[in-house]
Amino acid sequence: MAGSDSSSNASSNAGVVARPLSIAVLTVSDTREKLTDKSGDFLEQAIVKAGHRLVARELVKDEKEQIGEALERWRDDETIDVAITTGGTGITARDVTPDVARALLDKELAGFGELFRQLSFEQIGASSIQSRALGGVMGRTLLFVLPGSTGACRCAWTGILEKQLDIRTQPCNFVALQERL
């Protein structure tokens, strides 16, 4: 809001209670297994630590059909508020996660990918340009497509998602908009 300062934003949010979300995590990888999925482990721990519910966690190969089936199922499941994928966002022939996700989106949040690459640039430099991370809305489910590295998942979670998935974040957040999707 124009003319607002951080103290008025904080005070206008006094007494707001955290609202736990139901979140699903999909790891996309040809090489990882449940025991070696460090990025999925990080996201699971971060989600629970933030007070949300991890309601599904799956691992699929870099195959359009497998990725699409999982995301469509989660889009159609009214109990899932947020879906997060990790892996398959690069530029090789096998990296198809953003392509599958984009086809399922009703609205893309271009700023998510832009902000992620900006934050990532601060950590890894120009290599951040190789990520095709994106965010959007599919049905009533928020979808965030992250790279497969644990560092990238940490960057996206701590720099964007942790705050935007918290109803107490001001001046605005994704949770406050969820009911109107």
N, C-alpha and C. Protein backbone atom coordinates (compact mmCIF):
# COMPACT_ATOMS: atom_id res chain seq x y z
N MET A 1 0.84 -1.19 0.00
CA MET A 1 0.00 0.00 0.00
C MET A 1 0.88 1.24 0.00
N ALA A 2 0.52 2.20 -0.78
CA ALA A 2 1.26 3.45 -0.80
C ALA A 2 1.10 4.16 0.53
N GLY A 3 2.21 4.69 1.01
CA GLY A 3 2.17 5.44 2.25
C GLY A 3 2.23 4.59 3.50
N SER A 4 2.20 3.26 3.37
CA SER A 4 2.26 2.40 4.55
C SER A 4 3.70 2.20 4.98
N ASP A 5 3.89 2.04 6.26
CA ASP A 5 5.21 1.65 6.73
C ASP A 5 5.10 0.29 7.40
N SER A 6 6.25 -0.32 7.69
CA SER A 6 6.22 -1.67 8.22
C SER A 6 5.55 -1.76 9.58
N SER A 7 5.60 -0.69 10.38
CA SER A 7 4.97 -0.76 11.69
C SER A 7 3.45 -0.79 11.57
N SER A 8 2.89 -0.06 10.60
CA SER A 8 1.44 -0.12 10.44
C SER A 8 1.01 -1.46 9.87
N ASN A 9 1.84 -2.06 9.01
CA ASN A 9 1.52 -3.39 8.48
C ASN A 9 1.52 -4.41 9.59
N ALA A 10 2.49 -4.35 10.48
CA ALA A 10 2.56 -5.31 11.57
C ALA A 10 1.39 -5.15 12.52
N SER A 11 1.05 -3.92 12.84
CA SER A 11 -0.03 -3.71 13.79
C SER A 11 -1.39 -4.07 13.19
N SER A 12 -1.55 -3.90 11.88
CA SER A 12 -2.83 -4.26 11.27
C SER A 12 -3.03 -5.77 11.23
N ASN A 13 -1.98 -6.50 11.49
CA ASN A 13 -2.06 -7.95 11.45
C ASN A 13 -2.02 -8.57 12.85
N ALA A 14 -2.07 -7.73 13.87
CA ALA A 14 -2.02 -8.23 15.24
C ALA A 14 -3.21 -9.14 15.50
N GLY A 15 -2.96 -10.26 16.14
CA GLY A 15 -4.01 -11.19 16.50
C GLY A 15 -4.38 -12.19 15.42
N VAL A 16 -3.76 -12.08 14.23
CA VAL A 16 -4.05 -13.04 13.18
C VAL A 16 -3.37 -14.36 13.54
N VAL A 17 -4.12 -15.43 13.48
CA VAL A 17 -3.63 -16.75 13.84
C VAL A 17 -3.13 -17.46 12.59
N ALA A 18 -2.01 -18.16 12.72
CA ALA A 18 -1.47 -18.91 11.60
C ALA A 18 -2.52 -19.90 11.08
N ARG A 19 -2.53 -20.10 9.77
CA ARG A 19 -3.46 -21.03 9.16
C ARG A 19 -2.66 -22.14 8.46
N PRO A 20 -2.66 -23.34 9.02
CA PRO A 20 -1.90 -24.42 8.38
C PRO A 20 -2.50 -24.80 7.03
N LEU A 21 -1.63 -25.04 6.07
CA LEU A 21 -2.05 -25.46 4.74
C LEU A 21 -1.72 -26.94 4.55
N SER A 22 -2.45 -27.57 3.65
CA SER A 22 -2.16 -28.95 3.26
C SER A 22 -1.29 -28.90 2.01
N ILE A 23 -0.07 -29.43 2.14
CA ILE A 23 0.92 -29.30 1.07
C ILE A 23 1.40 -30.67 0.62
N ALA A 24 1.54 -30.82 -0.70
CA ALA A 24 2.05 -32.04 -1.31
C ALA A 24 3.39 -31.75 -1.99
N VAL A 25 4.32 -32.69 -1.91
CA VAL A 25 5.65 -32.53 -2.50
C VAL A 25 5.90 -33.65 -3.50
N LEU A 26 6.32 -33.25 -4.70
CA LEU A 26 6.64 -34.20 -5.76
C LEU A 26 8.09 -34.01 -6.17
N THR A 27 8.89 -35.06 -6.00
CA THR A 27 10.27 -35.04 -6.48
C THR A 27 10.30 -35.69 -7.85
N VAL A 28 10.93 -35.01 -8.81
CA VAL A 28 11.05 -35.50 -10.17
C VAL A 28 12.52 -35.80 -10.42
N SER A 29 12.85 -37.08 -10.62
CA SER A 29 14.24 -37.46 -10.80
C SER A 29 14.35 -38.86 -11.40
N ASP A 30 15.33 -39.03 -12.29
CA ASP A 30 15.63 -40.34 -12.83
C ASP A 30 16.62 -41.09 -11.94
N THR A 31 17.27 -40.39 -11.02
CA THR A 31 18.35 -41.00 -10.25
C THR A 31 18.07 -41.11 -8.76
N ARG A 32 17.20 -40.29 -8.22
CA ARG A 32 16.96 -40.32 -6.77
C ARG A 32 15.95 -41.39 -6.38
N GLU A 33 16.11 -41.82 -5.15
CA GLU A 33 15.15 -42.72 -4.51
C GLU A 33 14.75 -42.06 -3.21
N LYS A 34 13.76 -42.62 -2.54
CA LYS A 34 13.28 -42.04 -1.27
C LYS A 34 14.43 -41.79 -0.29
N LEU A 35 15.37 -42.72 -0.19
CA LEU A 35 16.48 -42.58 0.76
C LEU A 35 17.50 -41.52 0.36
N THR A 36 17.55 -41.16 -0.92
CA THR A 36 18.53 -40.18 -1.37
C THR A 36 17.90 -38.85 -1.78
N ASP A 37 16.63 -38.67 -1.46
CA ASP A 37 15.90 -37.46 -1.85
C ASP A 37 16.09 -36.35 -0.81
N LYS A 38 17.25 -35.73 -0.82
CA LYS A 38 17.57 -34.69 0.18
C LYS A 38 16.69 -33.44 0.00
N SER A 39 16.37 -33.10 -1.23
CA SER A 39 15.53 -31.92 -1.46
C SER A 39 14.11 -32.15 -0.95
N GLY A 40 13.57 -33.33 -1.23
CA GLY A 40 12.25 -33.67 -0.70
C GLY A 40 12.26 -33.70 0.81
N ASP A 41 13.35 -34.23 1.40
CA ASP A 41 13.49 -34.25 2.86
C ASP A 41 13.49 -32.83 3.41
N PHE A 42 14.26 -31.93 2.77
CA PHE A 42 14.31 -30.55 3.23
C PHE A 42 12.91 -29.92 3.20
N LEU A 43 12.22 -30.08 2.07
CA LEU A 43 10.89 -29.48 1.95
C LEU A 43 9.92 -30.05 2.99
N GLU A 44 9.95 -31.34 3.19
CA GLU A 44 9.09 -31.96 4.20
C GLU A 44 9.35 -31.35 5.57
N GLN A 45 10.60 -31.26 5.95
CA GLN A 45 10.94 -30.71 7.26
C GLN A 45 10.55 -29.24 7.37
N ALA A 46 10.78 -28.45 6.32
CA ALA A 46 10.45 -27.04 6.34
C ALA A 46 8.94 -26.82 6.44
N ILE A 47 8.19 -27.63 5.72
CA ILE A 47 6.72 -27.53 5.73
C ILE A 47 6.18 -27.80 7.13
N VAL A 48 6.65 -28.87 7.74
CA VAL A 48 6.18 -29.25 9.08
C VAL A 48 6.63 -28.21 10.11
N LYS A 49 7.86 -27.76 10.00
CA LYS A 49 8.39 -26.76 10.94
C LYS A 49 7.58 -25.46 10.88
N ALA A 50 7.09 -25.12 9.68
CA ALA A 50 6.29 -23.89 9.52
C ALA A 50 4.85 -24.07 10.00
N GLY A 51 4.49 -25.28 10.44
CA GLY A 51 3.16 -25.52 10.98
C GLY A 51 2.14 -26.01 9.96
N HIS A 52 2.60 -26.34 8.76
CA HIS A 52 1.71 -26.86 7.73
C HIS A 52 1.63 -28.38 7.82
N ARG A 53 0.73 -28.97 7.03
CA ARG A 53 0.56 -30.42 6.98
C ARG A 53 1.10 -30.95 5.66
N LEU A 54 2.03 -31.90 5.73
CA LEU A 54 2.48 -32.60 4.54
C LEU A 54 1.48 -33.72 4.31
N VAL A 55 0.68 -33.62 3.25
CA VAL A 55 -0.39 -34.59 3.01
C VAL A 55 -0.05 -35.61 1.94
N ALA A 56 1.01 -35.34 1.17
CA ALA A 56 1.44 -36.30 0.16
C ALA A 56 2.89 -36.00 -0.19
N ARG A 57 3.62 -37.08 -0.44
CA ARG A 57 5.00 -36.95 -0.92
C ARG A 57 5.27 -38.11 -1.86
N GLU A 58 5.62 -37.77 -3.09
CA GLU A 58 5.86 -38.79 -4.10
C GLU A 58 7.15 -38.51 -4.84
N LEU A 59 7.68 -39.54 -5.48
CA LEU A 59 8.86 -39.43 -6.32
C LEU A 59 8.54 -40.11 -7.64
N VAL A 60 8.73 -39.37 -8.74
CA VAL A 60 8.46 -39.91 -10.07
C VAL A 60 9.67 -39.67 -10.97
N LYS A 61 9.73 -40.40 -12.06
CA LYS A 61 10.78 -40.23 -13.06
C LYS A 61 10.50 -38.97 -13.88
N ASP A 62 11.51 -38.52 -14.61
CA ASP A 62 11.37 -37.37 -15.51
C ASP A 62 10.57 -37.79 -16.74
N GLU A 63 9.32 -38.11 -16.53
CA GLU A 63 8.43 -38.54 -17.60
C GLU A 63 7.17 -37.68 -17.55
N LYS A 64 6.81 -37.10 -18.68
CA LYS A 64 5.66 -36.20 -18.74
C LYS A 64 4.40 -36.83 -18.14
N GLU A 65 4.16 -38.08 -18.47
CA GLU A 65 2.94 -38.74 -18.02
C GLU A 65 2.91 -38.88 -16.49
N GLN A 66 4.01 -39.30 -15.91
CA GLN A 66 4.06 -39.49 -14.46
C GLN A 66 3.91 -38.16 -13.72
N ILE A 67 4.59 -37.14 -14.20
CA ILE A 67 4.49 -35.81 -13.58
C ILE A 67 3.06 -35.29 -13.70
N GLY A 68 2.52 -35.38 -14.90
CA GLY A 68 1.16 -34.88 -15.16
C GLY A 68 0.11 -35.58 -14.33
N GLU A 69 0.22 -36.90 -14.21
CA GLU A 69 -0.76 -37.67 -13.42
C GLU A 69 -0.75 -37.23 -11.96
N ALA A 70 0.44 -37.05 -11.39
CA ALA A 70 0.52 -36.63 -9.98
C ALA A 70 -0.06 -35.23 -9.81
N LEU A 71 0.32 -34.31 -10.68
CA LEU A 71 -0.17 -32.93 -10.54
C LEU A 71 -1.67 -32.83 -10.78
N GLU A 72 -2.19 -33.56 -11.75
CA GLU A 72 -3.63 -33.54 -12.00
C GLU A 72 -4.40 -34.10 -10.80
N ARG A 73 -3.89 -35.16 -10.23
CA ARG A 73 -4.54 -35.76 -9.05
C ARG A 73 -4.57 -34.75 -7.91
N TRP A 74 -3.47 -34.06 -7.70
CA TRP A 74 -3.40 -33.08 -6.61
C TRP A 74 -4.25 -31.86 -6.91
N ARG A 75 -4.31 -31.45 -8.17
CA ARG A 75 -5.18 -30.33 -8.55
C ARG A 75 -6.63 -30.65 -8.25
N ASP A 76 -7.02 -31.88 -8.50
CA ASP A 76 -8.42 -32.29 -8.33
C ASP A 76 -8.78 -32.67 -6.90
N ASP A 77 -7.77 -32.79 -6.05
CA ASP A 77 -7.99 -33.14 -4.64
C ASP A 77 -8.26 -31.85 -3.86
N GLU A 78 -9.51 -31.66 -3.45
CA GLU A 78 -9.89 -30.40 -2.78
C GLU A 78 -9.22 -30.20 -1.44
N THR A 79 -8.57 -31.24 -0.90
CA THR A 79 -7.90 -31.08 0.39
C THR A 79 -6.47 -30.57 0.26
N ILE A 80 -5.94 -30.50 -0.97
CA ILE A 80 -4.56 -30.03 -1.17
C ILE A 80 -4.58 -28.56 -1.57
N ASP A 81 -3.94 -27.76 -0.73
CA ASP A 81 -3.87 -26.31 -0.97
C ASP A 81 -2.70 -25.93 -1.86
N VAL A 82 -1.57 -26.62 -1.68
CA VAL A 82 -0.33 -26.26 -2.36
C VAL A 82 0.38 -27.53 -2.83
N ALA A 83 0.91 -27.48 -4.04
CA ALA A 83 1.76 -28.55 -4.56
C ALA A 83 3.12 -27.94 -4.88
N ILE A 84 4.17 -28.62 -4.44
CA ILE A 84 5.53 -28.17 -4.72
C ILE A 84 6.26 -29.30 -5.40
N THR A 85 6.89 -29.00 -6.55
CA THR A 85 7.72 -30.00 -7.20
C THR A 85 9.18 -29.59 -7.04
N THR A 86 10.06 -30.57 -7.04
CA THR A 86 11.49 -30.33 -7.03
C THR A 86 12.14 -31.23 -8.07
N GLY A 87 12.86 -30.62 -8.98
CA GLY A 87 13.56 -31.38 -10.00
C GLY A 87 12.98 -31.19 -11.39
N GLY A 88 13.84 -31.35 -12.38
CA GLY A 88 13.41 -31.31 -13.77
C GLY A 88 13.17 -29.93 -14.33
N THR A 89 13.82 -28.90 -13.76
CA THR A 89 13.57 -27.52 -14.23
C THR A 89 14.68 -26.98 -15.11
N GLY A 90 15.66 -27.80 -15.42
CA GLY A 90 16.79 -27.32 -16.23
C GLY A 90 16.46 -27.28 -17.71
N ILE A 91 17.50 -27.34 -18.53
CA ILE A 91 17.32 -27.17 -19.98
C ILE A 91 17.68 -28.41 -20.79
N THR A 92 17.96 -29.52 -20.11
CA THR A 92 18.28 -30.73 -20.87
C THR A 92 17.00 -31.36 -21.42
N ALA A 93 17.17 -32.31 -22.31
CA ALA A 93 16.02 -32.96 -22.95
C ALA A 93 15.11 -33.64 -21.93
N ARG A 94 15.66 -34.15 -20.83
CA ARG A 94 14.88 -34.86 -19.82
C ARG A 94 14.16 -33.91 -18.86
N ASP A 95 14.50 -32.64 -18.85
CA ASP A 95 13.89 -31.67 -17.92
C ASP A 95 12.56 -31.16 -18.47
N VAL A 96 11.46 -31.79 -18.02
CA VAL A 96 10.15 -31.48 -18.58
C VAL A 96 9.14 -30.98 -17.55
N THR A 97 9.55 -30.89 -16.28
CA THR A 97 8.59 -30.50 -15.24
C THR A 97 7.90 -29.17 -15.53
N PRO A 98 8.64 -28.09 -15.86
CA PRO A 98 7.93 -26.82 -16.12
C PRO A 98 6.97 -26.90 -17.30
N ASP A 99 7.31 -27.69 -18.30
CA ASP A 99 6.44 -27.81 -19.48
C ASP A 99 5.12 -28.47 -19.12
N VAL A 100 5.20 -29.55 -18.33
CA VAL A 100 4.00 -30.24 -17.88
C VAL A 100 3.18 -29.33 -16.97
N ALA A 101 3.85 -28.69 -16.02
CA ALA A 101 3.17 -27.82 -15.06
C ALA A 101 2.48 -26.65 -15.76
N ARG A 102 3.19 -26.01 -16.67
CA ARG A 102 2.63 -24.84 -17.35
C ARG A 102 1.34 -25.20 -18.09
N ALA A 103 1.29 -26.39 -18.67
CA ALA A 103 0.08 -26.82 -19.39
C ALA A 103 -1.12 -27.01 -18.47
N LEU A 104 -0.87 -27.21 -17.18
CA LEU A 104 -1.95 -27.43 -16.21
C LEU A 104 -2.39 -26.13 -15.50
N LEU A 105 -1.63 -25.07 -15.68
CA LEU A 105 -1.92 -23.83 -14.95
C LEU A 105 -3.08 -23.06 -15.55
N ASP A 106 -3.90 -22.52 -14.67
CA ASP A 106 -4.94 -21.58 -15.08
C ASP A 106 -4.34 -20.17 -15.14
N LYS A 107 -3.42 -19.91 -14.20
CA LYS A 107 -2.73 -18.61 -14.16
C LYS A 107 -1.30 -18.84 -13.73
N GLU A 108 -0.37 -18.22 -14.42
CA GLU A 108 1.03 -18.30 -14.03
C GLU A 108 1.39 -17.07 -13.19
N LEU A 109 2.18 -17.31 -12.17
CA LEU A 109 2.71 -16.22 -11.34
C LEU A 109 4.13 -15.95 -11.82
N ALA A 110 4.26 -15.13 -12.86
CA ALA A 110 5.57 -14.88 -13.46
C ALA A 110 6.57 -14.36 -12.44
N GLY A 111 6.11 -13.58 -11.49
CA GLY A 111 7.00 -13.01 -10.49
C GLY A 111 7.68 -14.05 -9.63
N PHE A 112 7.08 -15.23 -9.46
CA PHE A 112 7.71 -16.26 -8.64
C PHE A 112 9.03 -16.69 -9.26
N GLY A 113 9.01 -17.07 -10.52
CA GLY A 113 10.24 -17.50 -11.19
C GLY A 113 11.27 -16.39 -11.25
N GLU A 114 10.80 -15.18 -11.51
CA GLU A 114 11.72 -14.04 -11.58
C GLU A 114 12.39 -13.79 -10.23
N LEU A 115 11.60 -13.78 -9.17
CA LEU A 115 12.15 -13.55 -7.84
C LEU A 115 13.07 -14.70 -7.43
N PHE A 116 12.67 -15.94 -7.74
CA PHE A 116 13.52 -17.07 -7.40
C PHE A 116 14.89 -16.92 -8.07
N ARG A 117 14.91 -16.59 -9.36
CA ARG A 117 16.19 -16.47 -10.06
C ARG A 117 17.01 -15.31 -9.51
N GLN A 118 16.35 -14.24 -9.08
CA GLN A 118 17.07 -13.12 -8.47
C GLN A 118 17.72 -13.56 -7.16
N LEU A 119 16.96 -14.24 -6.30
CA LEU A 119 17.52 -14.72 -5.03
C LEU A 119 18.60 -15.76 -5.27
N SER A 120 18.39 -16.62 -6.25
CA SER A 120 19.36 -17.65 -6.58
C SER A 120 20.64 -17.03 -7.14
N PHE A 121 20.51 -15.98 -7.91
CA PHE A 121 21.67 -15.28 -8.47
C PHE A 121 22.59 -14.79 -7.36
N GLU A 122 21.99 -14.32 -6.27
CA GLU A 122 22.79 -13.85 -5.14
C GLU A 122 23.62 -14.98 -4.53
N GLN A 123 23.19 -16.22 -4.72
CA GLN A 123 23.88 -17.37 -4.14
C GLN A 123 24.81 -18.09 -5.12
N ILE A 124 24.36 -18.24 -6.38
CA ILE A 124 25.14 -19.04 -7.32
C ILE A 124 25.53 -18.29 -8.58
N GLY A 125 25.26 -17.00 -8.64
CA GLY A 125 25.66 -16.21 -9.80
C GLY A 125 24.85 -16.52 -11.04
N ALA A 126 25.50 -16.35 -12.18
CA ALA A 126 24.82 -16.46 -13.47
C ALA A 126 24.26 -17.85 -13.75
N SER A 127 24.69 -18.87 -13.02
CA SER A 127 24.13 -20.21 -13.22
C SER A 127 22.63 -20.25 -12.96
N SER A 128 22.13 -19.27 -12.22
CA SER A 128 20.70 -19.22 -11.91
C SER A 128 19.84 -19.09 -13.16
N ILE A 129 20.41 -18.61 -14.25
CA ILE A 129 19.63 -18.44 -15.48
C ILE A 129 19.19 -19.79 -16.07
N GLN A 130 19.83 -20.88 -15.65
CA GLN A 130 19.49 -22.19 -16.18
C GLN A 130 18.23 -22.78 -15.57
N SER A 131 17.69 -22.15 -14.54
CA SER A 131 16.49 -22.67 -13.89
C SER A 131 15.23 -22.14 -14.57
N ARG A 132 14.29 -23.04 -14.78
CA ARG A 132 12.98 -22.66 -15.30
C ARG A 132 11.92 -22.77 -14.21
N ALA A 133 12.31 -22.43 -12.98
CA ALA A 133 11.36 -22.45 -11.85
C ALA A 133 10.17 -21.57 -12.19
N LEU A 134 8.99 -22.00 -11.71
CA LEU A 134 7.79 -21.20 -11.96
C LEU A 134 6.76 -21.45 -10.87
N GLY A 135 5.80 -20.57 -10.82
CA GLY A 135 4.69 -20.71 -9.90
C GLY A 135 3.40 -20.39 -10.61
N GLY A 136 2.30 -20.87 -10.04
CA GLY A 136 1.02 -20.57 -10.65
C GLY A 136 -0.13 -21.19 -9.88
N VAL A 137 -1.30 -21.10 -10.48
CA VAL A 137 -2.52 -21.63 -9.90
C VAL A 137 -3.12 -22.64 -10.87
N MET A 138 -3.36 -23.85 -10.37
CA MET A 138 -4.06 -24.86 -11.17
C MET A 138 -5.30 -25.25 -10.39
N GLY A 139 -6.45 -24.88 -10.93
CA GLY A 139 -7.69 -25.06 -10.18
C GLY A 139 -7.64 -24.16 -8.96
N ARG A 140 -7.81 -24.76 -7.76
CA ARG A 140 -7.71 -24.00 -6.51
C ARG A 140 -6.40 -24.30 -5.77
N THR A 141 -5.48 -24.96 -6.47
CA THR A 141 -4.21 -25.36 -5.87
C THR A 141 -3.07 -24.48 -6.36
N LEU A 142 -2.31 -23.96 -5.43
CA LEU A 142 -1.10 -23.22 -5.78
C LEU A 142 -0.03 -24.24 -6.15
N LEU A 143 0.73 -23.96 -7.20
CA LEU A 143 1.78 -24.86 -7.65
C LEU A 143 3.09 -24.10 -7.77
N PHE A 144 4.15 -24.68 -7.19
CA PHE A 144 5.47 -24.10 -7.28
C PHE A 144 6.43 -25.16 -7.77
N VAL A 145 7.13 -24.86 -8.85
CA VAL A 145 8.04 -25.79 -9.52
C VAL A 145 9.46 -25.33 -9.25
N LEU A 146 10.19 -26.12 -8.44
CA LEU A 146 11.52 -25.76 -7.99
C LEU A 146 12.59 -26.66 -8.61
N PRO A 147 13.82 -26.16 -8.70
CA PRO A 147 14.92 -27.03 -9.13
C PRO A 147 15.13 -28.17 -8.13
N GLY A 148 15.94 -29.14 -8.53
CA GLY A 148 16.15 -30.33 -7.72
C GLY A 148 17.18 -30.22 -6.62
N SER A 149 18.02 -29.19 -6.65
CA SER A 149 19.06 -29.11 -5.62
C SER A 149 18.47 -28.67 -4.29
N THR A 150 19.04 -29.17 -3.22
CA THR A 150 18.59 -28.79 -1.88
C THR A 150 18.80 -27.29 -1.66
N GLY A 151 19.90 -26.76 -2.17
CA GLY A 151 20.16 -25.32 -2.03
C GLY A 151 19.08 -24.49 -2.70
N ALA A 152 18.64 -24.92 -3.88
CA ALA A 152 17.58 -24.19 -4.58
C ALA A 152 16.26 -24.28 -3.83
N CYS A 153 15.96 -25.45 -3.27
CA CYS A 153 14.73 -25.60 -2.49
C CYS A 153 14.78 -24.72 -1.25
N ARG A 154 15.92 -24.68 -0.61
CA ARG A 154 16.09 -23.82 0.58
C ARG A 154 15.93 -22.35 0.20
N CYS A 155 16.52 -21.95 -0.92
CA CYS A 155 16.43 -20.57 -1.40
C CYS A 155 14.96 -20.19 -1.65
N ALA A 156 14.23 -21.05 -2.35
CA ALA A 156 12.82 -20.77 -2.65
C ALA A 156 11.97 -20.76 -1.39
N TRP A 157 12.23 -21.70 -0.48
CA TRP A 157 11.42 -21.78 0.74
C TRP A 157 11.67 -20.58 1.64
N THR A 158 12.92 -20.33 1.97
CA THR A 158 13.22 -19.26 2.93
C THR A 158 13.05 -17.88 2.33
N GLY A 159 13.27 -17.75 1.03
CA GLY A 159 13.19 -16.44 0.39
C GLY A 159 11.80 -16.05 -0.07
N ILE A 160 10.93 -17.04 -0.32
CA ILE A 160 9.60 -16.73 -0.88
C ILE A 160 8.49 -17.50 -0.18
N LEU A 161 8.53 -18.82 -0.27
CA LEU A 161 7.38 -19.63 0.13
C LEU A 161 7.06 -19.57 1.61
N GLU A 162 8.06 -19.63 2.45
CA GLU A 162 7.81 -19.61 3.90
C GLU A 162 6.97 -18.39 4.29
N LYS A 163 7.27 -17.25 3.69
CA LYS A 163 6.55 -16.02 4.01
C LYS A 163 5.19 -15.95 3.30
N GLN A 164 5.16 -16.30 2.03
CA GLN A 164 3.93 -16.18 1.26
C GLN A 164 2.89 -17.24 1.61
N LEU A 165 3.32 -18.31 2.27
CA LEU A 165 2.37 -19.33 2.72
C LEU A 165 2.02 -19.14 4.19
N ASP A 166 2.23 -17.93 4.69
CA ASP A 166 1.92 -17.57 6.08
C ASP A 166 0.91 -16.42 6.06
N ILE A 167 -0.27 -16.65 6.58
CA ILE A 167 -1.35 -15.66 6.59
C ILE A 167 -0.94 -14.38 7.30
N ARG A 168 0.05 -14.45 8.16
CA ARG A 168 0.48 -13.29 8.94
C ARG A 168 1.41 -12.36 8.18
N THR A 169 1.88 -12.77 7.00
CA THR A 169 2.78 -11.93 6.21
C THR A 169 2.00 -10.77 5.61
N GLN A 170 2.51 -9.57 5.82
CA GLN A 170 1.87 -8.36 5.31
C GLN A 170 2.81 -7.64 4.37
N PRO A 171 2.34 -6.95 3.38
CA PRO A 171 0.96 -6.53 3.21
C PRO A 171 0.06 -7.56 2.53
N CYS A 172 0.64 -8.63 1.95
CA CYS A 172 -0.23 -9.63 1.33
C CYS A 172 0.49 -10.97 1.29
N ASN A 173 -0.30 -12.02 1.05
CA ASN A 173 0.24 -13.38 1.02
C ASN A 173 -0.71 -14.26 0.22
N PHE A 174 -0.22 -15.44 -0.17
CA PHE A 174 -1.05 -16.36 -0.96
C PHE A 174 -2.20 -16.93 -0.15
N VAL A 175 -2.03 -17.10 1.14
CA VAL A 175 -3.06 -17.73 1.97
C VAL A 175 -4.33 -16.89 1.99
N ALA A 176 -4.18 -15.58 2.09
CA ALA A 176 -5.34 -14.69 2.13
C ALA A 176 -6.14 -14.75 0.82
N LEU A 177 -5.49 -15.12 -0.25
CA LEU A 177 -6.16 -15.19 -1.55
C LEU A 177 -6.75 -16.57 -1.86
N GLN A 178 -6.33 -17.58 -1.11
CA GLN A 178 -6.67 -18.97 -1.38
C GLN A 178 -8.19 -19.18 -1.54
N GLU A 179 -8.97 -18.60 -0.67
CA GLU A 179 -10.42 -18.82 -0.72
C GLU A 179 -11.06 -18.24 -1.97
N ARG A 180 -10.38 -17.31 -2.62
CA ARG A 180 -10.95 -16.66 -3.82
C ARG A 180 -10.42 -17.25 -5.11
N LEU A 181 -9.62 -18.31 -5.02
CA LEU A 181 -9.08 -18.91 -6.26
C LEU A 181 -10.16 -19.67 -6.99
